[in-house]
Amino acid sequence: MPEAIEALTSQQAITEAKSEFVFEQPKQGKPLTGADQIRKNIWVQVLERSNVRYRHPYQTRHTFATMLISRGANLWWVADQMGHNGPEMLFRHYGNYIKEHDKKSGRGFSS
């Protein structure tokens, strides 16, 4: 997604990363390689500084999915991006949201 590439490119300039990695350990300059390192070194501090109560980084998947659905992205493509074999999982998890979004946009699901 263009927004993600733009955000990561901007972040890389801010952190002054010296490699292809965006996030590095501040003192060692080595890349943060695992989810635990990123969560402990970045995620927790960002939430605290933003006065946002803790939530697991996994929840960003839901934000990603709902943003794409809101934009009218092809559900097969969204499912593929999320690692699913088809849109069935999206309907299971986001079915009410999809239905409500379609009502508001005037696309189907009339009651």
PDB file of N, CA and C in Angstrom:
ATOM      1  N   MET A   1       0.837  -1.170   0.000  1.00  0.00           N
ATOM      2  CA  MET A   1       0.000   0.000   0.000  1.00  0.00           C
ATOM      3  C   MET A   1       0.889   1.243   0.000  1.00  0.00           C
ATOM      4  N   PRO A   2       0.560   2.211  -0.808  1.00  0.00           N
ATOM      5  CA  PRO A   2       1.385   3.422  -0.894  1.00  0.00           C
ATOM      6  C   PRO A   2       1.554   4.130   0.454  1.00  0.00           C
ATOM      7  N   GLU A   3       0.490   4.163   1.257  1.00  0.00           N
ATOM      8  CA  GLU A   3       0.589   4.832   2.554  1.00  0.00           C
ATOM      9  C   GLU A   3       1.603   4.149   3.459  1.00  0.00           C
ATOM     10  N   ALA A   4       1.632   2.831   3.413  1.00  0.00           N
ATOM     11  CA  ALA A   4       2.579   2.081   4.242  1.00  0.00           C
ATOM     12  C   ALA A   4       4.011   2.338   3.793  1.00  0.00           C
ATOM     13  N   ILE A   5       4.255   2.325   2.499  1.00  0.00           N
ATOM     14  CA  ILE A   5       5.599   2.599   1.977  1.00  0.00           C
ATOM     15  C   ILE A   5       6.023   4.009   2.361  1.00  0.00           C
ATOM     16  N   GLU A   6       5.124   4.964   2.224  1.00  0.00           N
ATOM     17  CA  GLU A   6       5.440   6.351   2.586  1.00  0.00           C
ATOM     18  C   GLU A   6       5.764   6.477   4.078  1.00  0.00           C
ATOM     19  N   ALA A   7       4.961   5.829   4.928  1.00  0.00           N
ATOM     20  CA  ALA A   7       5.196   5.890   6.373  1.00  0.00           C
ATOM     21  C   ALA A   7       6.526   5.254   6.740  1.00  0.00           C
ATOM     22  N   LEU A   8       6.847   4.118   6.152  1.00  0.00           N
ATOM     23  CA  LEU A   8       8.099   3.441   6.465  1.00  0.00           C
ATOM     24  C   LEU A   8       9.305   4.220   5.958  1.00  0.00           C
ATOM     25  N   THR A   9       9.179   4.810   4.780  1.00  0.00           N
ATOM     26  CA  THR A   9      10.268   5.623   4.246  1.00  0.00           C
ATOM     27  C   THR A   9      10.503   6.836   5.133  1.00  0.00           C
ATOM     28  N   SER A  10       9.433   7.471   5.575  1.00  0.00           N
ATOM     29  CA  SER A  10       9.549   8.619   6.485  1.00  0.00           C
ATOM     30  C   SER A  10      10.176   8.195   7.801  1.00  0.00           C
ATOM     31  N   GLN A  11       9.749   7.055   8.326  1.00  0.00           N
ATOM     32  CA  GLN A  11      10.288   6.572   9.596  1.00  0.00           C
ATOM     33  C   GLN A  11      11.772   6.253   9.469  1.00  0.00           C
ATOM     34  N   GLN A  12      12.165   5.678   8.348  1.00  0.00           N
ATOM     35  CA  GLN A  12      13.571   5.338   8.154  1.00  0.00           C
ATOM     36  C   GLN A  12      14.426   6.609   8.177  1.00  0.00           C
ATOM     37  N   ALA A  13      13.920   7.691   7.618  1.00  0.00           N
ATOM     38  CA  ALA A  13      14.658   8.960   7.649  1.00  0.00           C
ATOM     39  C   ALA A  13      14.745   9.502   9.074  1.00  0.00           C
ATOM     40  N   ILE A  14      13.679   9.354   9.845  1.00  0.00           N
ATOM     41  CA  ILE A  14      13.660   9.845  11.230  1.00  0.00           C
ATOM     42  C   ILE A  14      14.625   9.057  12.099  1.00  0.00           C
ATOM     43  N   THR A  15      14.611   7.745  11.962  1.00  0.00           N
ATOM     44  CA  THR A  15      15.489   6.912  12.789  1.00  0.00           C
ATOM     45  C   THR A  15      16.914   6.875  12.245  1.00  0.00           C
ATOM     46  N   GLU A  16      17.107   7.485  11.099  1.00  0.00           N
ATOM     47  CA  GLU A  16      18.425   7.537  10.469  1.00  0.00           C
ATOM     48  C   GLU A  16      19.050   6.153  10.339  1.00  0.00           C
ATOM     49  N   ALA A  17      18.231   5.206   9.924  1.00  0.00           N
ATOM     50  CA  ALA A  17      18.701   3.828   9.751  1.00  0.00           C
ATOM     51  C   ALA A  17      19.818   3.808   8.710  1.00  0.00           C
ATOM     52  N   LYS A  18      20.816   3.019   8.992  1.00  0.00           N
ATOM     53  CA  LYS A  18      21.980   2.947   8.105  1.00  0.00           C
ATOM     54  C   LYS A  18      21.923   1.732   7.173  1.00  0.00           C
ATOM     55  N   SER A  19      20.810   1.041   7.180  1.00  0.00           N
ATOM     56  CA  SER A  19      20.685  -0.152   6.349  1.00  0.00           C
ATOM     57  C   SER A  19      19.299  -0.155   5.710  1.00  0.00           C
ATOM     58  N   GLU A  20      18.952  -1.283   5.103  1.00  0.00           N
ATOM     59  CA  GLU A  20      17.616  -1.379   4.491  1.00  0.00           C
ATOM     60  C   GLU A  20      16.519  -1.543   5.533  1.00  0.00           C
ATOM     61  N   PHE A  21      16.903  -1.775   6.783  1.00  0.00           N
ATOM     62  CA  PHE A  21      15.926  -1.946   7.848  1.00  0.00           C
ATOM     63  C   PHE A  21      15.437  -0.589   8.342  1.00  0.00           C
ATOM     64  N   VAL A  22      14.165  -0.506   8.638  1.00  0.00           N
ATOM     65  CA  VAL A  22      13.583   0.746   9.112  1.00  0.00           C
ATOM     66  C   VAL A  22      13.834   0.930  10.598  1.00  0.00           C
ATOM     67  N   PHE A  23      13.652  -0.117  11.369  1.00  0.00           N
ATOM     68  CA  PHE A  23      13.767  -0.017  12.816  1.00  0.00           C
ATOM     69  C   PHE A  23      15.037  -0.697  13.300  1.00  0.00           C
ATOM     70  N   GLU A  24      15.819   0.055  14.048  1.00  0.00           N
ATOM     71  CA  GLU A  24      17.069  -0.466  14.575  1.00  0.00           C
ATOM     72  C   GLU A  24      17.123  -0.236  16.073  1.00  0.00           C
ATOM     73  N   GLN A  25      17.941  -1.037  16.746  1.00  0.00           N
ATOM     74  CA  GLN A  25      18.181  -0.831  18.164  1.00  0.00           C
ATOM     75  C   GLN A  25      18.935   0.496  18.301  1.00  0.00           C
ATOM     76  N   PRO A  26      18.414   1.401  19.112  1.00  0.00           N
ATOM     77  CA  PRO A  26      19.012   2.736  19.177  1.00  0.00           C
ATOM     78  C   PRO A  26      20.495   2.743  19.544  1.00  0.00           C
ATOM     79  N   LYS A  27      20.917   1.931  20.487  1.00  0.00           N
ATOM     80  CA  LYS A  27      22.309   1.972  20.958  1.00  0.00           C
ATOM     81  C   LYS A  27      23.258   1.182  20.061  1.00  0.00           C
ATOM     82  N   GLN A  28      22.828   0.023  19.605  1.00  0.00           N
ATOM     83  CA  GLN A  28      23.703  -0.838  18.811  1.00  0.00           C
ATOM     84  C   GLN A  28      23.615  -0.563  17.317  1.00  0.00           C
ATOM     85  N   GLY A  29      22.529   0.037  16.860  1.00  0.00           N
ATOM     86  CA  GLY A  29      22.349   0.267  15.437  1.00  0.00           C
ATOM     87  C   GLY A  29      22.079  -1.004  14.658  1.00  0.00           C
ATOM     88  N   LYS A  30      21.740  -2.079  15.359  1.00  0.00           N
ATOM     89  CA  LYS A  30      21.427  -3.353  14.704  1.00  0.00           C
ATOM     90  C   LYS A  30      19.925  -3.426  14.453  1.00  0.00           C
ATOM     91  N   PRO A  31      19.524  -4.120  13.388  1.00  0.00           N
ATOM     92  CA  PRO A  31      18.090  -4.204  13.094  1.00  0.00           C
ATOM     93  C   PRO A  31      17.317  -4.964  14.169  1.00  0.00           C
ATOM     94  N   LEU A  32      16.103  -4.499  14.410  1.00  0.00           N
ATOM     95  CA  LEU A  32      15.173  -5.248  15.264  1.00  0.00           C
ATOM     96  C   LEU A  32      14.604  -6.344  14.387  1.00  0.00           C
ATOM     97  N   THR A  33      14.861  -7.582  14.749  1.00  0.00           N
ATOM     98  CA  THR A  33      14.548  -8.674  13.834  1.00  0.00           C
ATOM     99  C   THR A  33      13.293  -9.458  14.161  1.00  0.00           C
ATOM    100  N   GLY A  34      12.812  -9.382  15.381  1.00  0.00           N
ATOM    101  CA  GLY A  34      11.661 -10.197  15.728  1.00  0.00           C
ATOM    102  C   GLY A  34      10.530  -9.375  16.313  1.00  0.00           C
ATOM    103  N   ALA A  35       9.368  -9.973  16.337  1.00  0.00           N
ATOM    104  CA  ALA A  35       8.184  -9.296  16.852  1.00  0.00           C
ATOM    105  C   ALA A  35       8.359  -8.885  18.309  1.00  0.00           C
ATOM    106  N   ASP A  36       8.992  -9.746  19.110  1.00  0.00           N
ATOM    107  CA  ASP A  36       9.198  -9.401  20.521  1.00  0.00           C
ATOM    108  C   ASP A  36      10.101  -8.186  20.671  1.00  0.00           C
ATOM    109  N   GLN A  37      11.158  -8.117  19.886  1.00  0.00           N
ATOM    110  CA  GLN A  37      12.050  -6.958  19.950  1.00  0.00           C
ATOM    111  C   GLN A  37      11.314  -5.681  19.561  1.00  0.00           C
ATOM    112  N   ILE A  38      10.543  -5.748  18.517  1.00  0.00           N
ATOM    113  CA  ILE A  38       9.798  -4.567  18.059  1.00  0.00           C
ATOM    114  C   ILE A  38       8.772  -4.163  19.101  1.00  0.00           C
ATOM    115  N   ARG A  39       8.065  -5.139  19.660  1.00  0.00           N
ATOM    116  CA  ARG A  39       7.053  -4.830  20.671  1.00  0.00           C
ATOM    117  C   ARG A  39       7.689  -4.176  21.888  1.00  0.00           C
ATOM    118  N   LYS A  40       8.780  -4.751  22.383  1.00  0.00           N
ATOM    119  CA  LYS A  40       9.425  -4.228  23.595  1.00  0.00           C
ATOM    120  C   LYS A  40      10.139  -2.906  23.356  1.00  0.00           C
ATOM    121  N   ASN A  41      10.808  -2.762  22.217  1.00  0.00           N
ATOM    122  CA  ASN A  41      11.629  -1.585  21.957  1.00  0.00           C
ATOM    123  C   ASN A  41      10.883  -0.422  21.321  1.00  0.00           C
ATOM    124  N   ILE A  42       9.775  -0.686  20.678  1.00  0.00           N
ATOM    125  CA  ILE A  42       9.076   0.393  19.980  1.00  0.00           C
ATOM    126  C   ILE A  42       7.612   0.482  20.395  1.00  0.00           C
ATOM    127  N   TRP A  43       6.889  -0.598  20.218  1.00  0.00           N
ATOM    128  CA  TRP A  43       5.435  -0.600  20.376  1.00  0.00           C
ATOM    129  C   TRP A  43       4.985  -0.069  21.734  1.00  0.00           C
ATOM    130  N   VAL A  44       5.528  -0.619  22.800  1.00  0.00           N
ATOM    131  CA  VAL A  44       5.115  -0.238  24.154  1.00  0.00           C
ATOM    132  C   VAL A  44       5.380   1.245  24.393  1.00  0.00           C
ATOM    133  N   GLN A  45       6.568   1.718  24.004  1.00  0.00           N
ATOM    134  CA  GLN A  45       6.908   3.126  24.220  1.00  0.00           C
ATOM    135  C   GLN A  45       6.015   4.065  23.412  1.00  0.00           C
ATOM    136  N   VAL A  46       5.711   3.701  22.188  1.00  0.00           N
ATOM    137  CA  VAL A  46       4.847   4.542  21.345  1.00  0.00           C
ATOM    138  C   VAL A  46       3.460   4.654  21.968  1.00  0.00           C
ATOM    139  N   LEU A  47       2.903   3.549  22.433  1.00  0.00           N
ATOM    140  CA  LEU A  47       1.587   3.593  23.060  1.00  0.00           C
ATOM    141  C   LEU A  47       1.611   4.446  24.325  1.00  0.00           C
ATOM    142  N   GLU A  48       2.641   4.268  25.160  1.00  0.00           N
ATOM    143  CA  GLU A  48       2.738   5.050  26.388  1.00  0.00           C
ATOM    144  C   GLU A  48       2.845   6.540  26.086  1.00  0.00           C
ATOM    145  N   ARG A  49       3.713   6.913  25.168  1.00  0.00           N
ATOM    146  CA  ARG A  49       3.895   8.331  24.809  1.00  0.00           C
ATOM    147  C   ARG A  49       2.649   8.935  24.176  1.00  0.00           C
ATOM    148  N   SER A  50       1.842   8.099  23.550  1.00  0.00           N
ATOM    149  CA  SER A  50       0.607   8.566  22.904  1.00  0.00           C
ATOM    150  C   SER A  50      -0.585   8.528  23.843  1.00  0.00           C
ATOM    151  N   ASN A  51      -0.358   8.080  25.090  1.00  0.00           N
ATOM    152  CA  ASN A  51      -1.446   7.917  26.064  1.00  0.00           C
ATOM    153  C   ASN A  51      -2.551   7.000  25.548  1.00  0.00           C
ATOM    154  N   VAL A  52      -2.131   5.941  24.898  1.00  0.00           N
ATOM    155  CA  VAL A  52      -3.061   4.933  24.400  1.00  0.00           C
ATOM    156  C   VAL A  52      -2.853   3.677  25.236  1.00  0.00           C
ATOM    157  N   ARG A  53      -3.938   3.136  25.752  1.00  0.00           N
ATOM    158  CA  ARG A  53      -3.793   1.932  26.580  1.00  0.00           C
ATOM    159  C   ARG A  53      -3.208   0.798  25.737  1.00  0.00           C
ATOM    160  N   TYR A  54      -2.518  -0.107  26.418  1.00  0.00           N
ATOM    161  CA  TYR A  54      -1.824  -1.177  25.710  1.00  0.00           C
ATOM    162  C   TYR A  54      -2.798  -2.047  24.925  1.00  0.00           C
ATOM    163  N   ARG A  55      -2.407  -2.370  23.744  1.00  0.00           N
ATOM    164  CA  ARG A  55      -3.092  -3.375  22.930  1.00  0.00           C
ATOM    165  C   ARG A  55      -2.015  -4.133  22.183  1.00  0.00           C
ATOM    166  N   HIS A  56      -2.292  -5.367  21.940  1.00  0.00           N
ATOM    167  CA  HIS A  56      -1.318  -6.225  21.272  1.00  0.00           C
ATOM    168  C   HIS A  56      -1.165  -5.782  19.814  1.00  0.00           C
ATOM    169  N   PRO A  57       0.069  -5.776  19.298  1.00  0.00           N
ATOM    170  CA  PRO A  57       0.277  -5.378  17.905  1.00  0.00           C
ATOM    171  C   PRO A  57      -0.561  -6.173  16.909  1.00  0.00           C
ATOM    172  N   TYR A  58      -0.937  -7.396  17.283  1.00  0.00           N
ATOM    173  CA  TYR A  58      -1.755  -8.233  16.399  1.00  0.00           C
ATOM    174  C   TYR A  58      -3.052  -7.523  16.013  1.00  0.00           C
ATOM    175  N   GLN A  59      -3.539  -6.643  16.901  1.00  0.00           N
ATOM    176  CA  GLN A  59      -4.792  -5.948  16.617  1.00  0.00           C
ATOM    177  C   GLN A  59      -4.690  -5.015  15.418  1.00  0.00           C
ATOM    178  N   THR A  60      -3.492  -4.673  15.007  1.00  0.00           N
ATOM    179  CA  THR A  60      -3.351  -3.813  13.831  1.00  0.00           C
ATOM    180  C   THR A  60      -3.840  -4.524  12.568  1.00  0.00           C
ATOM    181  N   ARG A  61      -3.878  -5.852  12.601  1.00  0.00           N
ATOM    182  CA  ARG A  61      -4.435  -6.602  11.462  1.00  0.00           C
ATOM    183  C   ARG A  61      -5.884  -6.199  11.210  1.00  0.00           C
ATOM    184  N   HIS A  62      -6.623  -5.999  12.295  1.00  0.00           N
ATOM    185  CA  HIS A  62      -8.030  -5.635  12.169  1.00  0.00           C
ATOM    186  C   HIS A  62      -8.171  -4.228  11.581  1.00  0.00           C
ATOM    187  N   THR A  63      -7.300  -3.331  11.995  1.00  0.00           N
ATOM    188  CA  THR A  63      -7.319  -1.979  11.428  1.00  0.00           C
ATOM    189  C   THR A  63      -7.007  -2.047   9.944  1.00  0.00           C
ATOM    190  N   PHE A  64      -5.992  -2.814   9.592  1.00  0.00           N
ATOM    191  CA  PHE A  64      -5.603  -2.983   8.196  1.00  0.00           C
ATOM    192  C   PHE A  64      -6.776  -3.508   7.368  1.00  0.00           C
ATOM    193  N   ALA A  65      -7.409  -4.552   7.869  1.00  0.00           N
ATOM    194  CA  ALA A  65      -8.526  -5.160   7.134  1.00  0.00           C
ATOM    195  C   ALA A  65      -9.690  -4.198   6.981  1.00  0.00           C
ATOM    196  N   THR A  66     -10.079  -3.535   8.060  1.00  0.00           N
ATOM    197  CA  THR A  66     -11.238  -2.635   7.971  1.00  0.00           C
ATOM    198  C   THR A  66     -10.940  -1.422   7.097  1.00  0.00           C
ATOM    199  N   MET A  67      -9.689  -0.936   7.099  1.00  0.00           N
ATOM    200  CA  MET A  67      -9.345   0.175   6.202  1.00  0.00           C
ATOM    201  C   MET A  67      -9.495  -0.244   4.744  1.00  0.00           C
ATOM    202  N   LEU A  68      -9.012  -1.433   4.421  1.00  0.00           N
ATOM    203  CA  LEU A  68      -9.118  -1.904   3.042  1.00  0.00           C
ATOM    204  C   LEU A  68     -10.572  -2.144   2.642  1.00  0.00           C
ATOM    205  N   ILE A  69     -11.339  -2.741   3.541  1.00  0.00           N
ATOM    206  CA  ILE A  69     -12.753  -2.989   3.253  1.00  0.00           C
ATOM    207  C   ILE A  69     -13.479  -1.663   3.048  1.00  0.00           C
ATOM    208  N   SER A  70     -13.177  -0.668   3.878  1.00  0.00           N
ATOM    209  CA  SER A  70     -13.810   0.647   3.754  1.00  0.00           C
ATOM    210  C   SER A  70     -13.514   1.296   2.411  1.00  0.00           C
ATOM    211  N   ARG A  71     -12.355   1.010   1.864  1.00  0.00           N
ATOM    212  CA  ARG A  71     -11.967   1.584   0.575  1.00  0.00           C
ATOM    213  C   ARG A  71     -12.539   0.808  -0.599  1.00  0.00           C
ATOM    214  N   GLY A  72     -13.232  -0.269  -0.276  1.00  0.00           N
ATOM    215  CA  GLY A  72     -13.831  -1.064  -1.345  1.00  0.00           C
ATOM    216  C   GLY A  72     -12.845  -1.998  -2.023  1.00  0.00           C
ATOM    217  N   ALA A  73     -11.770  -2.356  -1.333  1.00  0.00           N
ATOM    218  CA  ALA A  73     -10.778  -3.265  -1.920  1.00  0.00           C
ATOM    219  C   ALA A  73     -11.414  -4.624  -2.203  1.00  0.00           C
ATOM    220  N   ASN A  74     -10.897  -5.279  -3.201  1.00  0.00           N
ATOM    221  CA  ASN A  74     -11.350  -6.611  -3.549  1.00  0.00           C
ATOM    222  C   ASN A  74     -11.112  -7.544  -2.358  1.00  0.00           C
ATOM    223  N   LEU A  75     -12.165  -8.216  -1.896  1.00  0.00           N
ATOM    224  CA  LEU A  75     -12.064  -9.045  -0.703  1.00  0.00           C
ATOM    225  C   LEU A  75     -11.139 -10.245  -0.885  1.00  0.00           C
ATOM    226  N   TRP A  76     -11.023 -10.755  -2.091  1.00  0.00           N
ATOM    227  CA  TRP A  76     -10.068 -11.837  -2.343  1.00  0.00           C
ATOM    228  C   TRP A  76      -8.649 -11.322  -2.133  1.00  0.00           C
ATOM    229  N   TRP A  77      -8.371 -10.090  -2.593  1.00  0.00           N
ATOM    230  CA  TRP A  77      -7.040  -9.500  -2.428  1.00  0.00           C
ATOM    231  C   TRP A  77      -6.759  -9.240  -0.950  1.00  0.00           C
ATOM    232  N   VAL A  78      -7.753  -8.704  -0.212  1.00  0.00           N
ATOM    233  CA  VAL A  78      -7.587  -8.449   1.225  1.00  0.00           C
ATOM    234  C   VAL A  78      -7.271  -9.766   1.934  1.00  0.00           C
ATOM    235  N   ALA A  79      -8.031 -10.798   1.628  1.00  0.00           N
ATOM    236  CA  ALA A  79      -7.808 -12.104   2.252  1.00  0.00           C
ATOM    237  C   ALA A  79      -6.395 -12.595   1.965  1.00  0.00           C
ATOM    238  N   ASP A  80      -5.939 -12.434   0.739  1.00  0.00           N
ATOM    239  CA  ASP A  80      -4.587 -12.851   0.378  1.00  0.00           C
ATOM    240  C   ASP A  80      -3.543 -12.068   1.175  1.00  0.00           C
ATOM    241  N   GLN A  81      -3.738 -10.770   1.314  1.00  0.00           N
ATOM    242  CA  GLN A  81      -2.806  -9.940   2.075  1.00  0.00           C
ATOM    243  C   GLN A  81      -2.720 -10.378   3.533  1.00  0.00           C
ATOM    244  N   MET A  82      -3.816 -10.899   4.046  1.00  0.00           N
ATOM    245  CA  MET A  82      -3.860 -11.316   5.442  1.00  0.00           C
ATOM    246  C   MET A  82      -3.469 -12.776   5.628  1.00  0.00           C
ATOM    247  N   GLY A  83      -3.144 -13.447   4.526  1.00  0.00           N
ATOM    248  CA  GLY A  83      -2.687 -14.827   4.612  1.00  0.00           C
ATOM    249  C   GLY A  83      -3.801 -15.851   4.626  1.00  0.00           C
ATOM    250  N   HIS A  84      -4.992 -15.470   4.179  1.00  0.00           N
ATOM    251  CA  HIS A  84      -6.116 -16.403   4.126  1.00  0.00           C
ATOM    252  C   HIS A  84      -6.257 -16.956   2.711  1.00  0.00           C
ATOM    253  N   ASN A  85      -6.883 -18.124   2.600  1.00  0.00           N
ATOM    254  CA  ASN A  85      -7.073 -18.755   1.296  1.00  0.00           C
ATOM    255  C   ASN A  85      -8.212 -18.139   0.496  1.00  0.00           C
ATOM    256  N   GLY A  86      -9.093 -17.447   1.152  1.00  0.00           N
ATOM    257  CA  GLY A  86     -10.228 -16.824   0.483  1.00  0.00           C
ATOM    258  C   GLY A  86     -10.926 -15.879   1.438  1.00  0.00           C
ATOM    259  N   PRO A  87     -11.965 -15.209   0.970  1.00  0.00           N
ATOM    260  CA  PRO A  87     -12.626 -14.187   1.788  1.00  0.00           C
ATOM    261  C   PRO A  87     -13.541 -14.726   2.890  1.00  0.00           C
ATOM    262  N   GLU A  88     -13.673 -16.041   2.998  1.00  0.00           N
ATOM    263  CA  GLU A  88     -14.577 -16.600   4.004  1.00  0.00           C
ATOM    264  C   GLU A  88     -14.235 -16.113   5.412  1.00  0.00           C
ATOM    265  N   MET A  89     -12.942 -16.059   5.739  1.00  0.00           N
ATOM    266  CA  MET A  89     -12.517 -15.607   7.059  1.00  0.00           C
ATOM    267  C   MET A  89     -12.898 -14.135   7.269  1.00  0.00           C
ATOM    268  N   LEU A  90     -12.805 -13.340   6.215  1.00  0.00           N
ATOM    269  CA  LEU A  90     -13.199 -11.933   6.319  1.00  0.00           C
ATOM    270  C   LEU A  90     -14.684 -11.828   6.646  1.00  0.00           C
ATOM    271  N   PHE A  91     -15.492 -12.642   5.971  1.00  0.00           N
ATOM    272  CA  PHE A  91     -16.929 -12.610   6.242  1.00  0.00           C
ATOM    273  C   PHE A  91     -17.219 -13.047   7.674  1.00  0.00           C
ATOM    274  N   ARG A  92     -16.469 -14.038   8.152  1.00  0.00           N
ATOM    275  CA  ARG A  92     -16.662 -14.502   9.525  1.00  0.00           C
ATOM    276  C   ARG A  92     -16.324 -13.420  10.545  1.00  0.00           C
ATOM    277  N   HIS A  93     -15.190 -12.754  10.340  1.00  0.00           N
ATOM    278  CA  HIS A  93     -14.713 -11.777  11.319  1.00  0.00           C
ATOM    279  C   HIS A  93     -15.232 -10.364  11.089  1.00  0.00           C
ATOM    280  N   TYR A  94     -15.470  -9.999   9.843  1.00  0.00           N
ATOM    281  CA  TYR A  94     -15.851  -8.621   9.525  1.00  0.00           C
ATOM    282  C   TYR A  94     -17.204  -8.535   8.829  1.00  0.00           C
ATOM    283  N   GLY A  95     -17.965  -9.611   8.852  1.00  0.00           N
ATOM    284  CA  GLY A  95     -19.245  -9.646   8.146  1.00  0.00           C
ATOM    285  C   GLY A  95     -20.176  -8.512   8.537  1.00  0.00           C
ATOM    286  N   ASN A  96     -20.329  -8.265   9.834  1.00  0.00           N
ATOM    287  CA  ASN A  96     -21.205  -7.171  10.266  1.00  0.00           C
ATOM    288  C   ASN A  96     -20.671  -5.830   9.798  1.00  0.00           C
ATOM    289  N   TYR A  97     -19.363  -5.664   9.872  1.00  0.00           N
ATOM    290  CA  TYR A  97     -18.766  -4.410   9.415  1.00  0.00           C
ATOM    291  C   TYR A  97     -18.971  -4.240   7.910  1.00  0.00           C
ATOM    292  N   ILE A  98     -18.745  -5.295   7.136  1.00  0.00           N
ATOM    293  CA  ILE A  98     -18.921  -5.234   5.682  1.00  0.00           C
ATOM    294  C   ILE A  98     -20.367  -4.869   5.361  1.00  0.00           C
ATOM    295  N   LYS A  99     -21.306  -5.522   6.050  1.00  0.00           N
ATOM    296  CA  LYS A  99     -22.730  -5.265   5.818  1.00  0.00           C
ATOM    297  C   LYS A  99     -23.063  -3.811   6.136  1.00  0.00           C
ATOM    298  N   GLU A 100     -22.591  -3.313   7.276  1.00  0.00           N
ATOM    299  CA  GLU A 100     -22.870  -1.930   7.687  1.00  0.00           C
ATOM    300  C   GLU A 100     -22.229  -0.935   6.722  1.00  0.00           C
ATOM    301  N   HIS A 101     -21.015  -1.218   6.295  1.00  0.00           N
ATOM    302  CA  HIS A 101     -20.323  -0.341   5.346  1.00  0.00           C
ATOM    303  C   HIS A 101     -21.083  -0.280   4.025  1.00  0.00           C
ATOM    304  N   ASP A 102     -21.544  -1.420   3.559  1.00  0.00           N
ATOM    305  CA  ASP A 102     -22.277  -1.454   2.295  1.00  0.00           C
ATOM    306  C   ASP A 102     -23.602  -0.693   2.400  1.00  0.00           C
ATOM    307  N   LYS A 103     -24.272  -0.767   3.545  1.00  0.00           N
ATOM    308  CA  LYS A 103     -25.510  -0.004   3.734  1.00  0.00           C
ATOM    309  C   LYS A 103     -25.233   1.493   3.627  1.00  0.00           C
ATOM    310  N   LYS A 104     -24.169   1.943   4.304  1.00  0.00           N
ATOM    311  CA  LYS A 104     -23.837   3.373   4.326  1.00  0.00           C
ATOM    312  C   LYS A 104     -23.417   3.868   2.939  1.00  0.00           C
ATOM    313  N   SER A 105     -22.774   3.009   2.168  1.00  0.00           N
ATOM    314  CA  SER A 105     -22.302   3.430   0.853  1.00  0.00           C
ATOM    315  C   SER A 105     -23.350   3.197  -0.236  1.00  0.00           C
ATOM    316  N   GLY A 106     -24.476   2.607   0.160  1.00  0.00           N
ATOM    317  CA  GLY A 106     -25.549   2.362  -0.802  1.00  0.00           C
ATOM    318  C   GLY A 106     -25.302   1.181  -1.719  1.00  0.00           C
ATOM    319  N   ARG A 107     -24.452   0.239  -1.295  1.00  0.00           N
ATOM    320  CA  ARG A 107     -24.128  -0.922  -2.136  1.00  0.00           C
ATOM    321  C   ARG A 107     -24.731  -2.175  -1.537  1.00  0.00           C
ATOM    322  N   GLY A 108     -25.867  -2.595  -1.967  1.00  0.00           N
ATOM    323  CA  GLY A 108     -26.418  -3.903  -1.579  1.00  0.00           C
ATOM    324  C   GLY A 108     -26.778  -4.044  -0.115  1.00  0.00           C
ATOM    325  N   PHE A 109     -27.045  -5.271   0.298  1.00  0.00           N
ATOM    326  CA  PHE A 109     -27.427  -5.635   1.643  1.00  0.00           C
ATOM    327  C   PHE A 109     -28.601  -4.829   2.161  1.00  0.00           C
ATOM    328  N   SER A 110     -29.569  -4.547   1.322  1.00  0.00           N
ATOM    329  CA  SER A 110     -30.735  -3.809   1.814  1.00  0.00           C
ATOM    330  C   SER A 110     -31.590  -4.721   2.678  1.00  0.00           C
ATOM    331  N   SER A 111     -32.187  -4.120   3.698  1.00  0.00           N
ATOM    332  CA  SER A 111     -33.003  -4.909   4.626  1.00  0.00           C
ATOM    333  C   SER A 111     -34.460  -4.586   4.427  1.00  0.00           C
TER     334      SER A 111
END
